[in-house]
PDB file of N, CA and C in Angstrom:
ATOM      1  N   MET A   1      53.790  82.030  93.966  1.00  0.00           N
ATOM      2  CA  MET A   1      53.690  81.546  95.320  1.00  0.00           C
ATOM      3  C   MET A   1      52.216  81.474  95.706  1.00  0.00           C
ATOM      4  N   ARG A   2      51.886  80.449  96.465  1.00  0.00           N
ATOM      5  CA  ARG A   2      50.505  80.224  96.870  1.00  0.00           C
ATOM      6  C   ARG A   2      50.066  81.225  97.935  1.00  0.00           C
ATOM      7  N   ASN A   3      48.845  81.668  97.840  1.00  0.00           N
ATOM      8  CA  ASN A   3      48.304  82.576  98.836  1.00  0.00           C
ATOM      9  C   ASN A   3      48.026  81.829 100.130  1.00  0.00           C
ATOM     10  N   SER A   4      48.243  82.500 101.233  1.00  0.00           N
ATOM     11  CA  SER A   4      47.993  81.920 102.542  1.00  0.00           C
ATOM     12  C   SER A   4      46.497  81.874 102.806  1.00  0.00           C
ATOM     13  N   LYS A   5      46.070  80.872 103.571  1.00  0.00           N
ATOM     14  CA  LYS A   5      44.658  80.837 103.945  1.00  0.00           C
ATOM     15  C   LYS A   5      44.372  81.765 105.118  1.00  0.00           C
ATOM     16  N   PHE A   6      45.428  82.383 105.650  1.00  0.00           N
ATOM     17  CA  PHE A   6      45.296  83.334 106.747  1.00  0.00           C
ATOM     18  C   PHE A   6      45.623  84.736 106.246  1.00  0.00           C
ATOM     19  N   SER A   7      44.837  85.709 106.680  1.00  0.00           N
ATOM     20  CA  SER A   7      45.132  87.101 106.341  1.00  0.00           C
ATOM     21  C   SER A   7      46.218  87.617 107.289  1.00  0.00           C
ATOM     22  N   GLU A   8      46.751  88.776 106.957  1.00  0.00           N
ATOM     23  CA  GLU A   8      47.774  89.368 107.821  1.00  0.00           C
ATOM     24  C   GLU A   8      47.221  89.621 109.226  1.00  0.00           C
ATOM     25  N   GLU A   9      45.962  90.043 109.294  1.00  0.00           N
ATOM     26  CA  GLU A   9      45.348  90.306 110.595  1.00  0.00           C
ATOM     27  C   GLU A   9      45.258  89.024 111.425  1.00  0.00           C
ATOM     28  N   GLN A  10      44.893  87.920 110.771  1.00  0.00           N
ATOM     29  CA  GLN A  10      44.790  86.647 111.481  1.00  0.00           C
ATOM     30  C   GLN A  10      46.162  86.173 111.941  1.00  0.00           C
ATOM     31  N   ILE A  11      47.172  86.351 111.099  1.00  0.00           N
ATOM     32  CA  ILE A  11      48.526  85.934 111.459  1.00  0.00           C
ATOM     33  C   ILE A  11      49.006  86.714 112.675  1.00  0.00           C
ATOM     34  N   ILE A  12      48.764  88.006 112.689  1.00  0.00           N
ATOM     35  CA  ILE A  12      49.183  88.830 113.825  1.00  0.00           C
ATOM     36  C   ILE A  12      48.446  88.414 115.092  1.00  0.00           C
ATOM     37  N   ALA A  13      47.170  88.055 114.968  1.00  0.00           N
ATOM     38  CA  ALA A  13      46.410  87.585 116.130  1.00  0.00           C
ATOM     39  C   ALA A  13      46.977  86.254 116.645  1.00  0.00           C
ATOM     40  N   ILE A  14      47.365  85.382 115.746  1.00  0.00           N
ATOM     41  CA  ILE A  14      47.956  84.094 116.140  1.00  0.00           C
ATOM     42  C   ILE A  14      49.278  84.333 116.858  1.00  0.00           C
ATOM     43  N   LEU A  15      50.104  85.226 116.316  1.00  0.00           N
ATOM     44  CA  LEU A  15      51.375  85.536 116.970  1.00  0.00           C
ATOM     45  C   LEU A  15      51.160  86.166 118.345  1.00  0.00           C
ATOM     46  N   ALA A  16      50.111  86.974 118.474  1.00  0.00           N
ATOM     47  CA  ALA A  16      49.814  87.612 119.757  1.00  0.00           C
ATOM     48  C   ALA A  16      49.436  86.579 120.813  1.00  0.00           C
ATOM     49  N   GLU A  17      48.747  85.511 120.399  1.00  0.00           N
ATOM     50  CA  GLU A  17      48.401  84.442 121.357  1.00  0.00           C
ATOM     51  C   GLU A  17      49.661  83.873 121.982  1.00  0.00           C
ATOM     52  N   GLN A  18      50.657  83.614 121.154  1.00  0.00           N
ATOM     53  CA  GLN A  18      51.905  83.044 121.656  1.00  0.00           C
ATOM     54  C   GLN A  18      52.639  84.051 122.535  1.00  0.00           C
ATOM     55  N   GLU A  19      52.588  85.320 122.173  1.00  0.00           N
ATOM     56  CA  GLU A  19      53.261  86.346 122.966  1.00  0.00           C
ATOM     57  C   GLU A  19      52.612  86.528 124.335  1.00  0.00           C
ATOM     58  N   ARG A  20      51.302  86.218 124.435  1.00  0.00           N
ATOM     59  CA  ARG A  20      50.603  86.338 125.720  1.00  0.00           C
ATOM     60  C   ARG A  20      50.897  85.161 126.647  1.00  0.00           C
ATOM     61  N   GLY A  21      51.690  84.199 126.193  1.00  0.00           N
ATOM     62  CA  GLY A  21      52.107  83.133 127.089  1.00  0.00           C
ATOM     63  C   GLY A  21      51.682  81.741 126.699  1.00  0.00           C
ATOM     64  N   MET A  22      50.880  81.588 125.664  1.00  0.00           N
ATOM     65  CA  MET A  22      50.476  80.259 125.239  1.00  0.00           C
ATOM     66  C   MET A  22      51.669  79.572 124.565  1.00  0.00           C
ATOM     67  N   ALA A  23      51.796  78.278 124.761  1.00  0.00           N
ATOM     68  CA  ALA A  23      52.907  77.529 124.177  1.00  0.00           C
ATOM     69  C   ALA A  23      52.813  77.540 122.653  1.00  0.00           C
ATOM     70  N   THR A  24      53.967  77.632 122.011  1.00  0.00           N
ATOM     71  CA  THR A  24      54.020  77.686 120.550  1.00  0.00           C
ATOM     72  C   THR A  24      53.382  76.449 119.933  1.00  0.00           C
ATOM     73  N   ALA A  25      53.672  75.280 120.483  1.00  0.00           N
ATOM     74  CA  ALA A  25      53.107  74.042 119.947  1.00  0.00           C
ATOM     75  C   ALA A  25      51.581  74.055 120.042  1.00  0.00           C
ATOM     76  N   GLU A  26      51.054  74.579 121.125  1.00  0.00           N
ATOM     77  CA  GLU A  26      49.603  74.652 121.307  1.00  0.00           C
ATOM     78  C   GLU A  26      48.968  75.613 120.300  1.00  0.00           C
ATOM     79  N   VAL A  27      49.601  76.750 120.072  1.00  0.00           N
ATOM     80  CA  VAL A  27      49.084  77.717 119.099  1.00  0.00           C
ATOM     81  C   VAL A  27      49.079  77.101 117.704  1.00  0.00           C
ATOM     82  N   CYS A  28      50.161  76.426 117.350  1.00  0.00           N
ATOM     83  CA  CYS A  28      50.253  75.788 116.035  1.00  0.00           C
ATOM     84  C   CYS A  28      49.181  74.721 115.865  1.00  0.00           C
ATOM     85  N   ARG A  29      48.964  73.916 116.903  1.00  0.00           N
ATOM     86  CA  ARG A  29      47.965  72.855 116.824  1.00  0.00           C
ATOM     87  C   ARG A  29      46.565  73.443 116.697  1.00  0.00           C
ATOM     88  N   ARG A  30      46.255  74.473 117.469  1.00  0.00           N
ATOM     89  CA  ARG A  30      44.922  75.085 117.429  1.00  0.00           C
ATOM     90  C   ARG A  30      44.577  75.653 116.055  1.00  0.00           C
ATOM     91  N   HIS A  31      45.570  76.207 115.396  1.00  0.00           N
ATOM     92  CA  HIS A  31      45.306  76.876 114.126  1.00  0.00           C
ATOM     93  C   HIS A  31      45.696  76.034 112.914  1.00  0.00           C
ATOM     94  N   GLY A  32      46.255  74.868 113.148  1.00  0.00           N
ATOM     95  CA  GLY A  32      46.577  73.961 112.055  1.00  0.00           C
ATOM     96  C   GLY A  32      47.733  74.410 111.183  1.00  0.00           C
ATOM     97  N   VAL A  33      48.773  74.972 111.802  1.00  0.00           N
ATOM     98  CA  VAL A  33      49.960  75.381 111.055  1.00  0.00           C
ATOM     99  C   VAL A  33      51.171  74.665 111.634  1.00  0.00           C
ATOM    100  N   SER A  34      52.193  74.526 110.809  1.00  0.00           N
ATOM    101  CA  SER A  34      53.412  73.888 111.298  1.00  0.00           C
ATOM    102  C   SER A  34      54.233  74.902 112.089  1.00  0.00           C
ATOM    103  N   SER A  35      55.150  74.379 112.883  1.00  0.00           N
ATOM    104  CA  SER A  35      55.991  75.285 113.659  1.00  0.00           C
ATOM    105  C   SER A  35      56.907  76.086 112.739  1.00  0.00           C
ATOM    106  N   ALA A  36      57.315  75.503 111.614  1.00  0.00           N
ATOM    107  CA  ALA A  36      58.147  76.238 110.655  1.00  0.00           C
ATOM    108  C   ALA A  36      57.383  77.438 110.092  1.00  0.00           C
ATOM    109  N   THR A  37      56.115  77.229 109.766  1.00  0.00           N
ATOM    110  CA  THR A  37      55.284  78.325 109.280  1.00  0.00           C
ATOM    111  C   THR A  37      55.135  79.392 110.350  1.00  0.00           C
ATOM    112  N   PHE A  38      54.894  78.951 111.573  1.00  0.00           N
ATOM    113  CA  PHE A  38      54.742  79.899 112.671  1.00  0.00           C
ATOM    114  C   PHE A  38      55.984  80.758 112.810  1.00  0.00           C
ATOM    115  N   TYR A  39      57.171  80.162 112.820  1.00  0.00           N
ATOM    116  CA  TYR A  39      58.396  80.936 113.004  1.00  0.00           C
ATOM    117  C   TYR A  39      58.717  81.799 111.784  1.00  0.00           C
ATOM    118  N   ARG A  40      58.303  81.382 110.588  1.00  0.00           N
ATOM    119  CA  ARG A  40      58.452  82.225 109.402  1.00  0.00           C
ATOM    120  C   ARG A  40      57.566  83.468 109.536  1.00  0.00           C
ATOM    121  N   TRP A  41      56.328  83.260 110.006  1.00  0.00           N
ATOM    122  CA  TRP A  41      55.429  84.395 110.259  1.00  0.00           C
ATOM    123  C   TRP A  41      56.026  85.316 111.310  1.00  0.00           C
ATOM    124  N   LYS A  42      56.599  84.717 112.357  1.00  0.00           N
ATOM    125  CA  LYS A  42      57.153  85.514 113.438  1.00  0.00           C
ATOM    126  C   LYS A  42      58.326  86.358 112.948  1.00  0.00           C
ATOM    127  N   ALA A  43      59.119  85.807 112.042  1.00  0.00           N
ATOM    128  CA  ALA A  43      60.237  86.570 111.485  1.00  0.00           C
ATOM    129  C   ALA A  43      59.737  87.728 110.632  1.00  0.00           C
ATOM    130  N   LYS A  44      58.635  87.512 109.924  1.00  0.00           N
ATOM    131  CA  LYS A  44      58.121  88.547 109.034  1.00  0.00           C
ATOM    132  C   LYS A  44      57.228  89.550 109.765  1.00  0.00           C
ATOM    133  N   PHE A  45      56.333  89.083 110.617  1.00  0.00           N
ATOM    134  CA  PHE A  45      55.319  89.936 111.232  1.00  0.00           C
ATOM    135  C   PHE A  45      55.522  90.183 112.721  1.00  0.00           C
ATOM    136  N   GLY A  46      56.570  89.635 113.313  1.00  0.00           N
ATOM    137  CA  GLY A  46      56.781  89.773 114.752  1.00  0.00           C
ATOM    138  C   GLY A  46      56.891  91.222 115.181  1.00  0.00           C
ATOM    139  N   GLY A  47      56.137  91.625 116.173  1.00  0.00           N
ATOM    140  CA  GLY A  47      56.176  92.978 116.695  1.00  0.00           C
ATOM    141  C   GLY A  47      55.346  93.985 115.927  1.00  0.00           C
ATOM    142  N   MET A  48      54.638  93.546 114.900  1.00  0.00           N
ATOM    143  CA  MET A  48      53.813  94.463 114.107  1.00  0.00           C
ATOM    144  C   MET A  48      52.393  94.480 114.634  1.00  0.00           C
ATOM    145  N   ASP A  49      51.723  95.583 114.343  1.00  0.00           N
ATOM    146  CA  ASP A  49      50.284  95.584 114.540  1.00  0.00           C
ATOM    147  C   ASP A  49      49.633  95.564 113.155  1.00  0.00           C
ATOM    148  N   VAL A  50      48.334  95.548 113.108  1.00  0.00           N
ATOM    149  CA  VAL A  50      47.604  95.351 111.858  1.00  0.00           C
ATOM    150  C   VAL A  50      47.912  96.458 110.845  1.00  0.00           C
ATOM    151  N   SER A  51      47.994  97.700 111.307  1.00  0.00           N
ATOM    152  CA  SER A  51      48.261  98.798 110.373  1.00  0.00           C
ATOM    153  C   SER A  51      49.654  98.682 109.762  1.00  0.00           C
ATOM    154  N   ASP A  52      50.623  98.203 110.543  1.00  0.00           N
ATOM    155  CA  ASP A  52      51.968  97.987 110.001  1.00  0.00           C
ATOM    156  C   ASP A  52      51.955  96.905 108.929  1.00  0.00           C
ATOM    157  N   ALA A  53      51.198  95.844 109.163  1.00  0.00           N
ATOM    158  CA  ALA A  53      51.118  94.752 108.195  1.00  0.00           C
ATOM    159  C   ALA A  53      50.468  95.222 106.899  1.00  0.00           C
ATOM    160  N   ARG A  54      49.433  96.047 107.001  1.00  0.00           N
ATOM    161  CA  ARG A  54      48.793  96.588 105.795  1.00  0.00           C
ATOM    162  C   ARG A  54      49.765  97.458 105.022  1.00  0.00           C
ATOM    163  N   ARG A  55      50.505  98.287 105.730  1.00  0.00           N
ATOM    164  CA  ARG A  55      51.498  99.156 105.083  1.00  0.00           C
ATOM    165  C   ARG A  55      52.579  98.318 104.405  1.00  0.00           C
ATOM    166  N   LEU A  56      53.017  97.244 105.049  1.00  0.00           N
ATOM    167  CA  LEU A  56      54.007  96.346 104.462  1.00  0.00           C
ATOM    168  C   LEU A  56      53.487  95.742 103.163  1.00  0.00           C
ATOM    169  N   LYS A  57      52.239  95.334 103.160  1.00  0.00           N
ATOM    170  CA  LYS A  57      51.632  94.742 101.967  1.00  0.00           C
ATOM    171  C   LYS A  57      51.603  95.757 100.821  1.00  0.00           C
ATOM    172  N   VAL A  58      51.240  96.998 101.124  1.00  0.00           N
ATOM    173  CA  VAL A  58      51.206  98.050 100.098  1.00  0.00           C
ATOM    174  C   VAL A  58      52.608  98.288  99.546  1.00  0.00           C
ATOM    175  N   LEU A  59      53.592  98.349 100.421  1.00  0.00           N
ATOM    176  CA  LEU A  59      54.964  98.576  99.977  1.00  0.00           C
ATOM    177  C   LEU A  59      55.490  97.418  99.130  1.00  0.00           C
ATOM    178  N   GLU A  60      55.159  96.179  99.506  1.00  0.00           N
ATOM    179  CA  GLU A  60      55.588  95.029  98.716  1.00  0.00           C
ATOM    180  C   GLU A  60      54.958  95.045  97.326  1.00  0.00           C
ATOM    181  N   THR A  61      53.695  95.415  97.242  1.00  0.00           N
ATOM    182  CA  THR A  61      53.007  95.503  95.956  1.00  0.00           C
ATOM    183  C   THR A  61      53.641  96.582  95.083  1.00  0.00           C
ATOM    184  N   GLU A  62      53.912  97.723  95.672  1.00  0.00           N
ATOM    185  CA  GLU A  62      54.546  98.823  94.934  1.00  0.00           C
ATOM    186  C   GLU A  62      55.944  98.429  94.470  1.00  0.00           C
ATOM    187  N   ASN A  63      56.695  97.748  95.318  1.00  0.00           N
ATOM    188  CA  ASN A  63      58.030  97.298  94.961  1.00  0.00           C
ATOM    189  C   ASN A  63      57.987  96.335  93.783  1.00  0.00           C
ATOM    190  N   THR A  64      57.042  95.418  93.773  1.00  0.00           N
ATOM    191  CA  THR A  64      56.884  94.475  92.672  1.00  0.00           C
ATOM    192  C   THR A  64      56.569  95.208  91.374  1.00  0.00           C
ATOM    193  N   ARG A  65      55.681  96.182  91.448  1.00  0.00           N
ATOM    194  CA  ARG A  65      55.313  96.956  90.263  1.00  0.00           C
ATOM    195  C   ARG A  65      56.517  97.716  89.706  1.00  0.00           C
ATOM    196  N   LEU A  66      57.294  98.324  90.590  1.00  0.00           N
ATOM    197  CA  LEU A  66      58.469  99.068  90.147  1.00  0.00           C
ATOM    198  C   LEU A  66      59.545  98.158  89.559  1.00  0.00           C
ATOM    199  N   LYS A  67      59.711  96.961  90.108  1.00  0.00           N
ATOM    200  CA  LYS A  67      60.672  96.004  89.548  1.00  0.00           C
ATOM    201  C   LYS A  67      60.267  95.587  88.140  1.00  0.00           C
ATOM    202  N   LYS A  68      58.968  95.385  87.920  1.00  0.00           N
ATOM    203  CA  LYS A  68      58.488  95.032  86.585  1.00  0.00           C
ATOM    204  C   LYS A  68      58.724  96.166  85.596  1.00  0.00           C
ATOM    205  N   LEU A  69      58.470  97.406  86.021  1.00  0.00           N
ATOM    206  CA  LEU A  69      58.715  98.559  85.161  1.00  0.00           C
ATOM    207  C   LEU A  69      60.194  98.673  84.806  1.00  0.00           C
ATOM    208  N   SER A  70      61.049  98.453  85.776  1.00  0.00           N
ATOM    209  CA  SER A  70      62.489  98.514  85.537  1.00  0.00           C
ATOM    210  C   SER A  70      62.932  97.420  84.566  1.00  0.00           C
ATOM    211  N   ALA A  71      62.429  96.218  84.741  1.00  0.00           N
ATOM    212  CA  ALA A  71      62.782  95.114  83.838  1.00  0.00           C
ATOM    213  C   ALA A  71      62.305  95.397  82.422  1.00  0.00           C
ATOM    214  N   ASP A  72      61.098  95.926  82.282  1.00  0.00           N
ATOM    215  CA  ASP A  72      60.586  96.273  80.954  1.00  0.00           C
ATOM    216  C   ASP A  72      61.435  97.346  80.301  1.00  0.00           C
ATOM    217  N   SER A  73      61.839  98.331  81.062  1.00  0.00           N
ATOM    218  CA  SER A  73      62.666  99.415  80.543  1.00  0.00           C
ATOM    219  C   SER A  73      64.027  98.890  80.085  1.00  0.00           C
ATOM    220  N   LEU A  74      64.639  98.026  80.882  1.00  0.00           N
ATOM    221  CA  LEU A  74      65.927  97.442  80.500  1.00  0.00           C
ATOM    222  C   LEU A  74      65.798  96.586  79.243  1.00  0.00           C
ATOM    223  N   LEU A  75      64.706  95.863  79.117  1.00  0.00           N
ATOM    224  CA  LEU A  75      64.477  95.040  77.931  1.00  0.00           C
ATOM    225  C   LEU A  75      64.299  95.910  76.698  1.00  0.00           C
ATOM    226  N   ASP A  76      63.518  96.976  76.822  1.00  0.00           N
ATOM    227  CA  ASP A  76      63.336  97.897  75.703  1.00  0.00           C
ATOM    228  C   ASP A  76      64.661  98.512  75.283  1.00  0.00           C
ATOM    229  N   ASN A  77      65.454  98.904  76.227  1.00  0.00           N
ATOM    230  CA  ASN A  77      66.759  99.495  75.954  1.00  0.00           C
ATOM    231  C   ASN A  77      67.660  98.500  75.228  1.00  0.00           C
ATOM    232  N   SER A  78      67.668  97.269  75.669  1.00  0.00           N
ATOM    233  CA  SER A  78      68.485  96.223  75.051  1.00  0.00           C
ATOM    234  C   SER A  78      68.035  95.973  73.612  1.00  0.00           C
ATOM    235  N   ILE A  79      66.736  95.935  73.376  1.00  0.00           N
ATOM    236  CA  ILE A  79      66.209  95.721  72.028  1.00  0.00           C
ATOM    237  C   ILE A  79      66.621  96.865  71.116  1.00  0.00           C
ATOM    238  N   LEU A  80      66.509  98.095  71.588  1.00  0.00           N
ATOM    239  CA  LEU A  80      66.892  99.252  70.782  1.00  0.00           C
ATOM    240  C   LEU A  80      68.376  99.230  70.430  1.00  0.00           C
ATOM    241  N   LYS A  81      69.214  98.839  71.364  1.00  0.00           N
ATOM    242  CA  LYS A  81      70.651  98.729  71.089  1.00  0.00           C
ATOM    243  C   LYS A  81      70.922  97.668  70.040  1.00  0.00           C
ATOM    244  N   ASP A  82      70.222  96.552  70.112  1.00  0.00           N
ATOM    245  CA  ASP A  82      70.394  95.479  69.131  1.00  0.00           C
ATOM    246  C   ASP A  82      69.977  95.954  67.745  1.00  0.00           C
ATOM    247  N   LEU A  83      68.875  96.702  67.655  1.00  0.00           N
ATOM    248  CA  LEU A  83      68.387  97.199  66.371  1.00  0.00           C
ATOM    249  C   LEU A  83      69.345  98.216  65.747  1.00  0.00           C
ATOM    250  N   LEU A  84      69.962  99.021  66.596  1.00  0.00           N
ATOM    251  CA  LEU A  84      70.883 100.022  66.094  1.00  0.00           C
ATOM    252  C   LEU A  84      72.286  99.480  65.851  1.00  0.00           C
ATOM    253  N   GLY A  85      72.531  98.268  66.300  1.00  0.00           N
ATOM    254  CA  GLY A  85      73.813  97.612  66.071  1.00  0.00           C
ATOM    255  C   GLY A  85      74.915  98.060  67.009  1.00  0.00           C
ATOM    256  N   LYS A  86      74.570  98.651  68.121  1.00  0.00           N
ATOM    257  CA  LYS A  86      75.565  99.068  69.095  1.00  0.00           C
ATOM    258  C   LYS A  86      75.811  97.937  70.104  1.00  0.00           C
ATOM    259  N   PRO A  87      77.075  97.712  70.445  1.00  0.00           N
ATOM    260  CA  PRO A  87      77.380  96.641  71.414  1.00  0.00           C
ATOM    261  C   PRO A  87      77.029  96.987  72.829  1.00  0.00           C
TER     262      PRO A  87
END
């Protein structure tokens, strides 16, 4: 997936503009994002502050690492079973 040109801090600041009363269309136009992108950000980051977003990023990274470890372990286990001839 492509990296966003906006950091989590910038996204939260953009969402805060809309929460302070600015029209969604105006916020999207000012920052050059589509309304679909804006609402996707709002679903993911709505109600968060910067520290929450950083914590979310750390947790997502850790989750990805653990999923890779689990997949590698399952693959190793499958290979060993094949070598030993067990179904």
